[in-house]
Amino acid sequence: MFTEWMQMNSVNEEARSLTYAEFPTKFVWSKQQKQWRPRKSGKTIGRITYAPPTSGERYYLRMLLNTVRGPQNFEQIWTIDNVMHSTFKSACYALGLLDGDKEWNRTVGNSSST
């Protein structure tokens, strides 16, 4: 489903305007044909499989799939402002989805000193 989403983005202009989570609002997955088809009617809610923060790059990819619209390949998912990042985590930082752990470190530092 995921790679077929990127394939649909390469051939359908409307698809490129949607995030992966929004995609089922306009397209429906055909299990038999293993491809996305334009939705004719009905409402639906898209879901992305949960990935805990401890799952590393899976977690960061999930964050990007809720933000990036219309990628046609993996490189477009982790390219932010014409800079290709080497990891999904780095791309998340570039998009401002992560603030870093400075606040957490301050909290830990303060609690350990008292």
PDB file of N, CA and C in Angstrom:
ATOM      1  N   MET A   1       0.819  -1.194   0.000  1.00  0.00           N
ATOM      2  CA  MET A   1       0.000   0.000   0.000  1.00  0.00           C
ATOM      3  C   MET A   1       0.864   1.260   0.000  1.00  0.00           C
ATOM      4  N   PHE A   2       1.937   1.210   0.769  1.00  0.00           N
ATOM      5  CA  PHE A   2       2.785   2.389   0.904  1.00  0.00           C
ATOM      6  C   PHE A   2       3.491   2.727  -0.410  1.00  0.00           C
ATOM      7  N   THR A   3       4.131   1.745  -1.022  1.00  0.00           N
ATOM      8  CA  THR A   3       4.847   2.022  -2.266  1.00  0.00           C
ATOM      9  C   THR A   3       3.877   2.338  -3.399  1.00  0.00           C
ATOM     10  N   GLU A   4       2.699   1.748  -3.371  1.00  0.00           N
ATOM     11  CA  GLU A   4       1.684   2.074  -4.382  1.00  0.00           C
ATOM     12  C   GLU A   4       1.154   3.490  -4.193  1.00  0.00           C
ATOM     13  N   TRP A   5       1.176   3.988  -2.955  1.00  0.00           N
ATOM     14  CA  TRP A   5       0.816   5.382  -2.705  1.00  0.00           C
ATOM     15  C   TRP A   5       1.794   6.301  -3.430  1.00  0.00           C
ATOM     16  N   MET A   6       3.086   6.006  -3.333  1.00  0.00           N
ATOM     17  CA  MET A   6       4.075   6.824  -4.026  1.00  0.00           C
ATOM     18  C   MET A   6       3.906   6.715  -5.540  1.00  0.00           C
ATOM     19  N   GLN A   7       3.560   5.524  -6.021  1.00  0.00           N
ATOM     20  CA  GLN A   7       3.309   5.340  -7.451  1.00  0.00           C
ATOM     21  C   GLN A   7       2.115   6.183  -7.898  1.00  0.00           C
ATOM     22  N   MET A   8       1.045   6.191  -7.120  1.00  0.00           N
ATOM     23  CA  MET A   8      -0.131   6.997  -7.459  1.00  0.00           C
ATOM     24  C   MET A   8       0.226   8.480  -7.460  1.00  0.00           C
ATOM     25  N   ASN A   9       1.091   8.889  -6.560  1.00  0.00           N
ATOM     26  CA  ASN A   9       1.540  10.285  -6.534  1.00  0.00           C
ATOM     27  C   ASN A   9       2.251  10.664  -7.831  1.00  0.00           C
ATOM     28  N   SER A  10       2.908   9.702  -8.459  1.00  0.00           N
ATOM     29  CA  SER A  10       3.645  10.004  -9.685  1.00  0.00           C
ATOM     30  C   SER A  10       2.732  10.159 -10.899  1.00  0.00           C
ATOM     31  N   VAL A  11       1.499   9.666 -10.817  1.00  0.00           N
ATOM     32  CA  VAL A  11       0.612   9.723 -11.987  1.00  0.00           C
ATOM     33  C   VAL A  11      -0.662  10.530 -11.758  1.00  0.00           C
ATOM     34  N   ASN A  12      -0.929  10.942 -10.523  1.00  0.00           N
ATOM     35  CA  ASN A  12      -2.193  11.601 -10.235  1.00  0.00           C
ATOM     36  C   ASN A  12      -1.951  12.912  -9.483  1.00  0.00           C
ATOM     37  N   GLU A  13      -2.362  14.007 -10.081  1.00  0.00           N
ATOM     38  CA  GLU A  13      -2.123  15.330  -9.496  1.00  0.00           C
ATOM     39  C   GLU A  13      -2.846  15.510  -8.158  1.00  0.00           C
ATOM     40  N   GLU A  14      -4.082  15.031  -8.064  1.00  0.00           N
ATOM     41  CA  GLU A  14      -4.831  15.164  -6.812  1.00  0.00           C
ATOM     42  C   GLU A  14      -4.140  14.405  -5.685  1.00  0.00           C
ATOM     43  N   ALA A  15      -3.577  13.252  -5.996  1.00  0.00           N
ATOM     44  CA  ALA A  15      -2.882  12.443  -4.992  1.00  0.00           C
ATOM     45  C   ALA A  15      -1.725  13.210  -4.378  1.00  0.00           C
ATOM     46  N   ARG A  16      -1.032  13.985  -5.177  1.00  0.00           N
ATOM     47  CA  ARG A  16       0.144  14.731  -4.697  1.00  0.00           C
ATOM     48  C   ARG A  16      -0.208  15.815  -3.687  1.00  0.00           C
ATOM     49  N   SER A  17      -1.472  16.145  -3.567  1.00  0.00           N
ATOM     50  CA  SER A  17      -1.874  17.185  -2.613  1.00  0.00           C
ATOM     51  C   SER A  17      -2.192  16.613  -1.230  1.00  0.00           C
ATOM     52  N   LEU A  18      -2.056  15.300  -1.069  1.00  0.00           N
ATOM     53  CA  LEU A  18      -2.461  14.643   0.174  1.00  0.00           C
ATOM     54  C   LEU A  18      -1.283  14.009   0.909  1.00  0.00           C
ATOM     55  N   THR A  19      -1.385  13.987   2.230  1.00  0.00           N
ATOM     56  CA  THR A  19      -0.432  13.205   3.022  1.00  0.00           C
ATOM     57  C   THR A  19      -0.901  11.755   2.980  1.00  0.00           C
ATOM     58  N   TYR A  20      -0.063  10.866   3.468  1.00  0.00           N
ATOM     59  CA  TYR A  20      -0.429   9.444   3.484  1.00  0.00           C
ATOM     60  C   TYR A  20      -1.678   9.205   4.338  1.00  0.00           C
ATOM     61  N   ALA A  21      -1.789   9.909   5.446  1.00  0.00           N
ATOM     62  CA  ALA A  21      -2.952   9.747   6.327  1.00  0.00           C
ATOM     63  C   ALA A  21      -4.224  10.299   5.683  1.00  0.00           C
ATOM     64  N   GLU A  22      -4.103  11.336   4.863  1.00  0.00           N
ATOM     65  CA  GLU A  22      -5.269  11.927   4.197  1.00  0.00           C
ATOM     66  C   GLU A  22      -5.698  11.146   2.955  1.00  0.00           C
ATOM     67  N   PHE A  23      -4.805  10.357   2.435  1.00  0.00           N
ATOM     68  CA  PHE A  23      -5.016   9.677   1.161  1.00  0.00           C
ATOM     69  C   PHE A  23      -6.330   8.891   1.072  1.00  0.00           C
ATOM     70  N   PRO A  24      -6.722   8.125   2.102  1.00  0.00           N
ATOM     71  CA  PRO A  24      -7.978   7.359   2.012  1.00  0.00           C
ATOM     72  C   PRO A  24      -9.237   8.208   1.921  1.00  0.00           C
ATOM     73  N   THR A  25      -9.126   9.515   2.147  1.00  0.00           N
ATOM     74  CA  THR A  25     -10.314  10.355   1.990  1.00  0.00           C
ATOM     75  C   THR A  25     -10.681  10.531   0.523  1.00  0.00           C
ATOM     76  N   LYS A  26      -9.723  10.342  -0.372  1.00  0.00           N
ATOM     77  CA  LYS A  26      -9.959  10.520  -1.810  1.00  0.00           C
ATOM     78  C   LYS A  26      -9.711   9.261  -2.631  1.00  0.00           C
ATOM     79  N   PHE A  27      -9.043   8.271  -2.021  1.00  0.00           N
ATOM     80  CA  PHE A  27      -8.701   7.044  -2.737  1.00  0.00           C
ATOM     81  C   PHE A  27      -9.027   5.833  -1.868  1.00  0.00           C
ATOM     82  N   VAL A  28      -9.294   4.716  -2.523  1.00  0.00           N
ATOM     83  CA  VAL A  28      -9.601   3.479  -1.816  1.00  0.00           C
ATOM     84  C   VAL A  28      -8.632   2.401  -2.300  1.00  0.00           C
ATOM     85  N   TRP A  29      -8.207   1.536  -1.375  1.00  0.00           N
ATOM     86  CA  TRP A  29      -7.264   0.469  -1.691  1.00  0.00           C
ATOM     87  C   TRP A  29      -8.020  -0.749  -2.209  1.00  0.00           C
ATOM     88  N   SER A  30      -7.626  -1.242  -3.368  1.00  0.00           N
ATOM     89  CA  SER A  30      -8.193  -2.463  -3.932  1.00  0.00           C
ATOM     90  C   SER A  30      -7.274  -3.618  -3.573  1.00  0.00           C
ATOM     91  N   LYS A  31      -7.740  -4.485  -2.679  1.00  0.00           N
ATOM     92  CA  LYS A  31      -6.920  -5.626  -2.258  1.00  0.00           C
ATOM     93  C   LYS A  31      -6.665  -6.578  -3.408  1.00  0.00           C
ATOM     94  N   GLN A  32      -7.673  -6.775  -4.246  1.00  0.00           N
ATOM     95  CA  GLN A  32      -7.538  -7.713  -5.364  1.00  0.00           C
ATOM     96  C   GLN A  32      -6.509  -7.236  -6.384  1.00  0.00           C
ATOM     97  N   GLN A  33      -6.556  -5.971  -6.719  1.00  0.00           N
ATOM     98  CA  GLN A  33      -5.647  -5.441  -7.739  1.00  0.00           C
ATOM     99  C   GLN A  33      -4.379  -4.834  -7.140  1.00  0.00           C
ATOM    100  N   LYS A  34      -4.361  -4.731  -5.827  1.00  0.00           N
ATOM    101  CA  LYS A  34      -3.217  -4.179  -5.093  1.00  0.00           C
ATOM    102  C   LYS A  34      -2.808  -2.818  -5.645  1.00  0.00           C
ATOM    103  N   GLN A  35      -3.807  -1.927  -5.699  1.00  0.00           N
ATOM    104  CA  GLN A  35      -3.549  -0.562  -6.130  1.00  0.00           C
ATOM    105  C   GLN A  35      -4.617   0.376  -5.594  1.00  0.00           C
ATOM    106  N   TRP A  36      -4.288   1.650  -5.572  1.00  0.00           N
ATOM    107  CA  TRP A  36      -5.220   2.677  -5.137  1.00  0.00           C
ATOM    108  C   TRP A  36      -6.100   3.084  -6.310  1.00  0.00           C
ATOM    109  N   ARG A  37      -7.362   3.336  -6.033  1.00  0.00           N
ATOM    110  CA  ARG A  37      -8.314   3.816  -7.035  1.00  0.00           C
ATOM    111  C   ARG A  37      -9.014   5.044  -6.470  1.00  0.00           C
ATOM    112  N   PRO A  38      -9.383   5.995  -7.330  1.00  0.00           N
ATOM    113  CA  PRO A  38     -10.118   7.166  -6.833  1.00  0.00           C
ATOM    114  C   PRO A  38     -11.418   6.740  -6.145  1.00  0.00           C
ATOM    115  N   ARG A  39     -11.691   7.339  -5.008  1.00  0.00           N
ATOM    116  CA  ARG A  39     -12.901   7.048  -4.243  1.00  0.00           C
ATOM    117  C   ARG A  39     -14.089   7.675  -4.956  1.00  0.00           C
ATOM    118  N   LYS A  40     -15.154   6.902  -5.119  1.00  0.00           N
ATOM    119  CA  LYS A  40     -16.355   7.407  -5.788  1.00  0.00           C
ATOM    120  C   LYS A  40     -17.344   8.011  -4.809  1.00  0.00           C
ATOM    121  N   SER A  41     -17.453   7.441  -3.642  1.00  0.00           N
ATOM    122  CA  SER A  41     -18.364   7.968  -2.629  1.00  0.00           C
ATOM    123  C   SER A  41     -17.978   7.423  -1.260  1.00  0.00           C
ATOM    124  N   GLY A  42     -18.644   7.944  -0.259  1.00  0.00           N
ATOM    125  CA  GLY A  42     -18.413   7.469   1.095  1.00  0.00           C
ATOM    126  C   GLY A  42     -17.326   8.241   1.803  1.00  0.00           C
ATOM    127  N   LYS A  43     -17.331   8.089   3.102  1.00  0.00           N
ATOM    128  CA  LYS A  43     -16.338   8.759   3.930  1.00  0.00           C
ATOM    129  C   LYS A  43     -15.506   7.698   4.626  1.00  0.00           C
ATOM    130  N   THR A  44     -14.303   8.079   4.935  1.00  0.00           N
ATOM    131  CA  THR A  44     -13.416   7.157   5.616  1.00  0.00           C
ATOM    132  C   THR A  44     -12.398   7.937   6.434  1.00  0.00           C
ATOM    133  N   ILE A  45     -11.737   7.232   7.302  1.00  0.00           N
ATOM    134  CA  ILE A  45     -10.666   7.812   8.109  1.00  0.00           C
ATOM    135  C   ILE A  45      -9.407   7.025   7.798  1.00  0.00           C
ATOM    136  N   GLY A  46      -8.335   7.733   7.461  1.00  0.00           N
ATOM    137  CA  GLY A  46      -7.070   7.071   7.202  1.00  0.00           C
ATOM    138  C   GLY A  46      -6.323   6.812   8.495  1.00  0.00           C
ATOM    139  N   ARG A  47      -5.609   5.715   8.538  1.00  0.00           N
ATOM    140  CA  ARG A  47      -4.812   5.384   9.713  1.00  0.00           C
ATOM    141  C   ARG A  47      -3.408   4.993   9.285  1.00  0.00           C
ATOM    142  N   ILE A  48      -2.475   5.343  10.095  1.00  0.00           N
ATOM    143  CA  ILE A  48      -1.104   4.903   9.901  1.00  0.00           C
ATOM    144  C   ILE A  48      -0.756   4.053  11.108  1.00  0.00           C
ATOM    145  N   THR A  49      -0.149   2.913  10.849  1.00  0.00           N
ATOM    146  CA  THR A  49       0.223   2.007  11.930  1.00  0.00           C
ATOM    147  C   THR A  49       1.054   2.737  12.977  1.00  0.00           C
ATOM    148  N   TYR A  50       0.729   2.507  14.235  1.00  0.00           N
ATOM    149  CA  TYR A  50       1.436   3.149  15.344  1.00  0.00           C
ATOM    150  C   TYR A  50       2.898   2.710  15.358  1.00  0.00           C
ATOM    151  N   ALA A  51       3.762   3.649  15.617  1.00  0.00           N
ATOM    152  CA  ALA A  51       5.181   3.376  15.788  1.00  0.00           C
ATOM    153  C   ALA A  51       5.636   4.155  17.018  1.00  0.00           C
ATOM    154  N   PRO A  52       6.050   3.463  18.074  1.00  0.00           N
ATOM    155  CA  PRO A  52       6.486   4.169  19.285  1.00  0.00           C
ATOM    156  C   PRO A  52       7.809   4.893  19.044  1.00  0.00           C
ATOM    157  N   PRO A  53       8.080   5.938  19.829  1.00  0.00           N
ATOM    158  CA  PRO A  53       9.342   6.675  19.670  1.00  0.00           C
ATOM    159  C   PRO A  53      10.579   5.786  19.769  1.00  0.00           C
ATOM    160  N   THR A  54      10.470   4.683  20.472  1.00  0.00           N
ATOM    161  CA  THR A  54      11.613   3.776  20.615  1.00  0.00           C
ATOM    162  C   THR A  54      11.880   2.966  19.354  1.00  0.00           C
ATOM    163  N   SER A  55      11.011   3.063  18.338  1.00  0.00           N
ATOM    164  CA  SER A  55      11.212   2.277  17.112  1.00  0.00           C
ATOM    165  C   SER A  55      12.144   2.972  16.127  1.00  0.00           C
ATOM    166  N   GLY A  56      12.723   4.083  16.529  1.00  0.00           N
ATOM    167  CA  GLY A  56      13.750   4.735  15.713  1.00  0.00           C
ATOM    168  C   GLY A  56      13.212   5.309  14.410  1.00  0.00           C
ATOM    169  N   GLU A  57      13.839   4.944  13.305  1.00  0.00           N
ATOM    170  CA  GLU A  57      13.513   5.520  12.009  1.00  0.00           C
ATOM    171  C   GLU A  57      12.057   5.278  11.592  1.00  0.00           C
ATOM    172  N   ARG A  58      11.475   4.170  12.032  1.00  0.00           N
ATOM    173  CA  ARG A  58      10.046   3.934  11.745  1.00  0.00           C
ATOM    174  C   ARG A  58       9.194   5.048  12.331  1.00  0.00           C
ATOM    175  N   TYR A  59       9.517   5.466  13.519  1.00  0.00           N
ATOM    176  CA  TYR A  59       8.789   6.541  14.191  1.00  0.00           C
ATOM    177  C   TYR A  59       8.912   7.849  13.406  1.00  0.00           C
ATOM    178  N   TYR A  60      10.119   8.160  12.969  1.00  0.00           N
ATOM    179  CA  TYR A  60      10.342   9.408  12.248  1.00  0.00           C
ATOM    180  C   TYR A  60       9.704   9.374  10.862  1.00  0.00           C
ATOM    181  N   LEU A  61       9.718   8.222  10.216  1.00  0.00           N
ATOM    182  CA  LEU A  61       9.021   8.087   8.934  1.00  0.00           C
ATOM    183  C   LEU A  61       7.535   8.339   9.132  1.00  0.00           C
ATOM    184  N   ARG A  62       6.976   7.786  10.184  1.00  0.00           N
ATOM    185  CA  ARG A  62       5.550   7.992  10.477  1.00  0.00           C
ATOM    186  C   ARG A  62       5.242   9.480  10.656  1.00  0.00           C
ATOM    187  N   MET A  63       6.123  10.195  11.344  1.00  0.00           N
ATOM    188  CA  MET A  63       5.926  11.637  11.514  1.00  0.00           C
ATOM    189  C   MET A  63       5.922  12.344  10.153  1.00  0.00           C
ATOM    190  N   LEU A  64       6.842  11.969   9.298  1.00  0.00           N
ATOM    191  CA  LEU A  64       6.930  12.589   7.984  1.00  0.00           C
ATOM    192  C   LEU A  64       5.699  12.283   7.127  1.00  0.00           C
ATOM    193  N   LEU A  65       5.155  11.078   7.249  1.00  0.00           N
ATOM    194  CA  LEU A  65       3.991  10.693   6.449  1.00  0.00           C
ATOM    195  C   LEU A  65       2.750  11.496   6.838  1.00  0.00           C
ATOM    196  N   ASN A  66       2.765  12.077   8.008  1.00  0.00           N
ATOM    197  CA  ASN A  66       1.665  12.945   8.424  1.00  0.00           C
ATOM    198  C   ASN A  66       1.885  14.389   7.985  1.00  0.00           C
ATOM    199  N   THR A  67       3.020  14.674   7.360  1.00  0.00           N
ATOM    200  CA  THR A  67       3.378  16.043   7.009  1.00  0.00           C
ATOM    201  C   THR A  67       3.661  16.230   5.517  1.00  0.00           C
ATOM    202  N   VAL A  68       4.467  15.335   4.947  1.00  0.00           N
ATOM    203  CA  VAL A  68       4.921  15.466   3.565  1.00  0.00           C
ATOM    204  C   VAL A  68       3.796  15.088   2.601  1.00  0.00           C
ATOM    205  N   ARG A  69       3.587  15.910   1.591  1.00  0.00           N
ATOM    206  CA  ARG A  69       2.529  15.675   0.606  1.00  0.00           C
ATOM    207  C   ARG A  69       3.123  15.236  -0.729  1.00  0.00           C
ATOM    208  N   GLY A  70       2.568  14.164  -1.265  1.00  0.00           N
ATOM    209  CA  GLY A  70       2.834  13.740  -2.630  1.00  0.00           C
ATOM    210  C   GLY A  70       4.200  13.230  -3.025  1.00  0.00           C
ATOM    211  N   PRO A  71       4.985  12.629  -2.122  1.00  0.00           N
ATOM    212  CA  PRO A  71       6.285  12.134  -2.569  1.00  0.00           C
ATOM    213  C   PRO A  71       6.117  10.973  -3.547  1.00  0.00           C
ATOM    214  N   GLN A  72       6.999  10.919  -4.517  1.00  0.00           N
ATOM    215  CA  GLN A  72       6.944   9.860  -5.514  1.00  0.00           C
ATOM    216  C   GLN A  72       8.013   8.798  -5.281  1.00  0.00           C
ATOM    217  N   ASN A  73       8.880   9.033  -4.287  1.00  0.00           N
ATOM    218  CA  ASN A  73       9.911   8.068  -3.918  1.00  0.00           C
ATOM    219  C   ASN A  73      10.441   8.431  -2.525  1.00  0.00           C
ATOM    220  N   PHE A  74      11.267   7.560  -1.981  1.00  0.00           N
ATOM    221  CA  PHE A  74      11.799   7.793  -0.634  1.00  0.00           C
ATOM    222  C   PHE A  74      12.651   9.057  -0.568  1.00  0.00           C
ATOM    223  N   GLU A  75      13.400   9.330  -1.615  1.00  0.00           N
ATOM    224  CA  GLU A  75      14.263  10.509  -1.618  1.00  0.00           C
ATOM    225  C   GLU A  75      13.451  11.787  -1.405  1.00  0.00           C
ATOM    226  N   GLN A  76      12.257  11.840  -1.968  1.00  0.00           N
ATOM    227  CA  GLN A  76      11.420  13.030  -1.799  1.00  0.00           C
ATOM    228  C   GLN A  76      10.861  13.138  -0.391  1.00  0.00           C
ATOM    229  N   ILE A  77      10.761  12.030   0.315  1.00  0.00           N
ATOM    230  CA  ILE A  77      10.286  12.078   1.699  1.00  0.00           C
ATOM    231  C   ILE A  77      11.347  12.727   2.582  1.00  0.00           C
ATOM    232  N   TRP A  78      12.605  12.376   2.366  1.00  0.00           N
ATOM    233  CA  TRP A  78      13.624  12.924   3.254  1.00  0.00           C
ATOM    234  C   TRP A  78      14.397  14.099   2.656  1.00  0.00           C
ATOM    235  N   THR A  79      13.885  14.686   1.558  1.00  0.00           N
ATOM    236  CA  THR A  79      14.472  15.907   1.013  1.00  0.00           C
ATOM    237  C   THR A  79      13.644  17.094   1.482  1.00  0.00           C
ATOM    238  N   ILE A  80      14.267  17.962   2.239  1.00  0.00           N
ATOM    239  CA  ILE A  80      13.609  19.134   2.801  1.00  0.00           C
ATOM    240  C   ILE A  80      14.352  20.379   2.312  1.00  0.00           C
ATOM    241  N   ASP A  81      13.632  21.300   1.699  1.00  0.00           N
ATOM    242  CA  ASP A  81      14.224  22.529   1.163  1.00  0.00           C
ATOM    243  C   ASP A  81      15.441  22.230   0.281  1.00  0.00           C
ATOM    244  N   ASN A  82      15.266  21.260  -0.609  1.00  0.00           N
ATOM    245  CA  ASN A  82      16.313  20.853  -1.570  1.00  0.00           C
ATOM    246  C   ASN A  82      17.561  20.266  -0.920  1.00  0.00           C
ATOM    247  N   VAL A  83      17.461  19.866   0.332  1.00  0.00           N
ATOM    248  CA  VAL A  83      18.570  19.200   1.018  1.00  0.00           C
ATOM    249  C   VAL A  83      18.134  17.775   1.311  1.00  0.00           C
ATOM    250  N   MET A  84      18.895  16.799   0.753  1.00  0.00           N
ATOM    251  CA  MET A  84      18.566  15.400   1.006  1.00  0.00           C
ATOM    252  C   MET A  84      19.223  14.968   2.316  1.00  0.00           C
ATOM    253  N   HIS A  85      18.395  14.576   3.271  1.00  0.00           N
ATOM    254  CA  HIS A  85      18.885  14.146   4.577  1.00  0.00           C
ATOM    255  C   HIS A  85      19.174  12.651   4.542  1.00  0.00           C
ATOM    256  N   SER A  86      20.081  12.217   5.381  1.00  0.00           N
ATOM    257  CA  SER A  86      20.483  10.810   5.373  1.00  0.00           C
ATOM    258  C   SER A  86      19.570   9.935   6.215  1.00  0.00           C
ATOM    259  N   THR A  87      18.760  10.564   7.070  1.00  0.00           N
ATOM    260  CA  THR A  87      17.838   9.795   7.909  1.00  0.00           C
ATOM    261  C   THR A  87      16.490  10.512   7.978  1.00  0.00           C
ATOM    262  N   PHE A  88      15.456   9.757   8.321  1.00  0.00           N
ATOM    263  CA  PHE A  88      14.137  10.353   8.522  1.00  0.00           C
ATOM    264  C   PHE A  88      14.166  11.290   9.732  1.00  0.00           C
ATOM    265  N   LYS A  89      14.944  10.935  10.738  1.00  0.00           N
ATOM    266  CA  LYS A  89      15.060  11.773  11.932  1.00  0.00           C
ATOM    267  C   LYS A  89      15.626  13.143  11.571  1.00  0.00           C
ATOM    268  N   SER A  90      16.653  13.165  10.766  1.00  0.00           N
ATOM    269  CA  SER A  90      17.255  14.422  10.334  1.00  0.00           C
ATOM    270  C   SER A  90      16.248  15.262   9.542  1.00  0.00           C
ATOM    271  N   ALA A  91      15.446  14.617   8.698  1.00  0.00           N
ATOM    272  CA  ALA A  91      14.419  15.330   7.935  1.00  0.00           C
ATOM    273  C   ALA A  91      13.367  15.913   8.875  1.00  0.00           C
ATOM    274  N   CYS A  92      13.022  15.194   9.924  1.00  0.00           N
ATOM    275  CA  CYS A  92      12.057  15.697  10.911  1.00  0.00           C
ATOM    276  C   CYS A  92      12.595  16.948  11.594  1.00  0.00           C
ATOM    277  N   TYR A  93      13.884  16.929  11.964  1.00  0.00           N
ATOM    278  CA  TYR A  93      14.498  18.122  12.554  1.00  0.00           C
ATOM    279  C   TYR A  93      14.443  19.293  11.580  1.00  0.00           C
ATOM    280  N   ALA A  94      14.748  19.034  10.304  1.00  0.00           N
ATOM    281  CA  ALA A  94      14.764  20.094   9.298  1.00  0.00           C
ATOM    282  C   ALA A  94      13.381  20.711   9.101  1.00  0.00           C
ATOM    283  N   LEU A  95      12.338  19.910   9.260  1.00  0.00           N
ATOM    284  CA  LEU A  95      10.970  20.409   9.139  1.00  0.00           C
ATOM    285  C   LEU A  95      10.484  21.093  10.412  1.00  0.00           C
ATOM    286  N   GLY A  96      11.256  20.982  11.477  1.00  0.00           N
ATOM    287  CA  GLY A  96      10.853  21.583  12.745  1.00  0.00           C
ATOM    288  C   GLY A  96       9.886  20.717  13.529  1.00  0.00           C
ATOM    289  N   LEU A  97       9.822  19.427  13.186  1.00  0.00           N
ATOM    290  CA  LEU A  97       8.919  18.517  13.900  1.00  0.00           C
ATOM    291  C   LEU A  97       9.500  18.090  15.237  1.00  0.00           C
ATOM    292  N   LEU A  98      10.795  18.249  15.398  1.00  0.00           N
ATOM    293  CA  LEU A  98      11.478  17.881  16.641  1.00  0.00           C
ATOM    294  C   LEU A  98      12.206  19.106  17.166  1.00  0.00           C
ATOM    295  N   ASP A  99      12.110  19.339  18.448  1.00  0.00           N
ATOM    296  CA  ASP A  99      12.783  20.485  19.063  1.00  0.00           C
ATOM    297  C   ASP A  99      14.101  20.104  19.702  1.00  0.00           C
ATOM    298  N   GLY A 100      14.389  18.844  19.749  1.00  0.00           N
ATOM    299  CA  GLY A 100      15.601  18.408  20.435  1.00  0.00           C
ATOM    300  C   GLY A 100      15.269  17.997  21.849  1.00  0.00           C
ATOM    301  N   ASP A 101      16.288  17.603  22.590  1.00  0.00           N
ATOM    302  CA  ASP A 101      16.057  17.131  23.951  1.00  0.00           C
ATOM    303  C   ASP A 101      16.612  18.099  24.984  1.00  0.00           C
ATOM    304  N   LYS A 102      16.807  19.364  24.619  1.00  0.00           N
ATOM    305  CA  LYS A 102      17.367  20.339  25.548  1.00  0.00           C
ATOM    306  C   LYS A 102      16.498  20.495  26.791  1.00  0.00           C
ATOM    307  N   GLU A 103      15.183  20.607  26.589  1.00  0.00           N
ATOM    308  CA  GLU A 103      14.289  20.775  27.729  1.00  0.00           C
ATOM    309  C   GLU A 103      14.321  19.539  28.617  1.00  0.00           C
ATOM    310  N   TRP A 104      14.323  18.367  28.003  1.00  0.00           N
ATOM    311  CA  TRP A 104      14.372  17.121  28.765  1.00  0.00           C
ATOM    312  C   TRP A 104      15.661  17.058  29.572  1.00  0.00           C
ATOM    313  N   ASN A 105      16.787  17.435  28.970  1.00  0.00           N
ATOM    314  CA  ASN A 105      18.061  17.413  29.679  1.00  0.00           C
ATOM    315  C   ASN A 105      18.055  18.388  30.852  1.00  0.00           C
ATOM    316  N   ARG A 106      17.456  19.558  30.666  1.00  0.00           N
ATOM    317  CA  ARG A 106      17.370  20.527  31.754  1.00  0.00           C
ATOM    318  C   ARG A 106      16.553  19.954  32.903  1.00  0.00           C
ATOM    319  N   THR A 107      15.442  19.316  32.571  1.00  0.00           N
ATOM    320  CA  THR A 107      14.585  18.728  33.599  1.00  0.00           C
ATOM    321  C   THR A 107      15.335  17.637  34.351  1.00  0.00           C
ATOM    322  N   VAL A 108      16.001  16.764  33.618  1.00  0.00           N
ATOM    323  CA  VAL A 108      16.762  15.692  34.247  1.00  0.00           C
ATOM    324  C   VAL A 108      17.884  16.287  35.086  1.00  0.00           C
ATOM    325  N   GLY A 109      18.583  17.285  34.529  1.00  0.00           N
ATOM    326  CA  GLY A 109      19.673  17.931  35.274  1.00  0.00           C
ATOM    327  C   GLY A 109      19.185  18.562  36.554  1.00  0.00           C
ATOM    328  N   ASN A 110      18.033  19.239  36.505  1.00  0.00           N
ATOM    329  CA  ASN A 110      17.496  19.888  37.697  1.00  0.00           C
ATOM    330  C   ASN A 110      17.033  18.869  38.719  1.00  0.00           C
ATOM    331  N   SER A 111      16.405  17.784  38.255  1.00  0.00           N
ATOM    332  CA  SER A 111      15.888  16.814  39.220  1.00  0.00           C
ATOM    333  C   SER A 111      17.020  16.028  39.869  1.00  0.00           C
ATOM    334  N   SER A 112      18.114  15.828  39.144  1.00  0.00           N
ATOM    335  CA  SER A 112      19.199  15.058  39.724  1.00  0.00           C
ATOM    336  C   SER A 112      20.036  15.897  40.694  1.00  0.00           C
ATOM    337  N   SER A 113      19.936  17.225  40.578  1.00  0.00           N
ATOM    338  CA  SER A 113      20.743  18.065  41.464  1.00  0.00           C
ATOM    339  C   SER A 113      20.012  18.409  42.746  1.00  0.00           C
ATOM    340  N   THR A 114      18.739  18.083  42.850  1.00  0.00           N
ATOM    341  CA  THR A 114      17.995  18.391  44.073  1.00  0.00           C
ATOM    342  C   THR A 114      17.880  17.202  44.963  1.00  0.00           C
TER     343      THR A 114
END
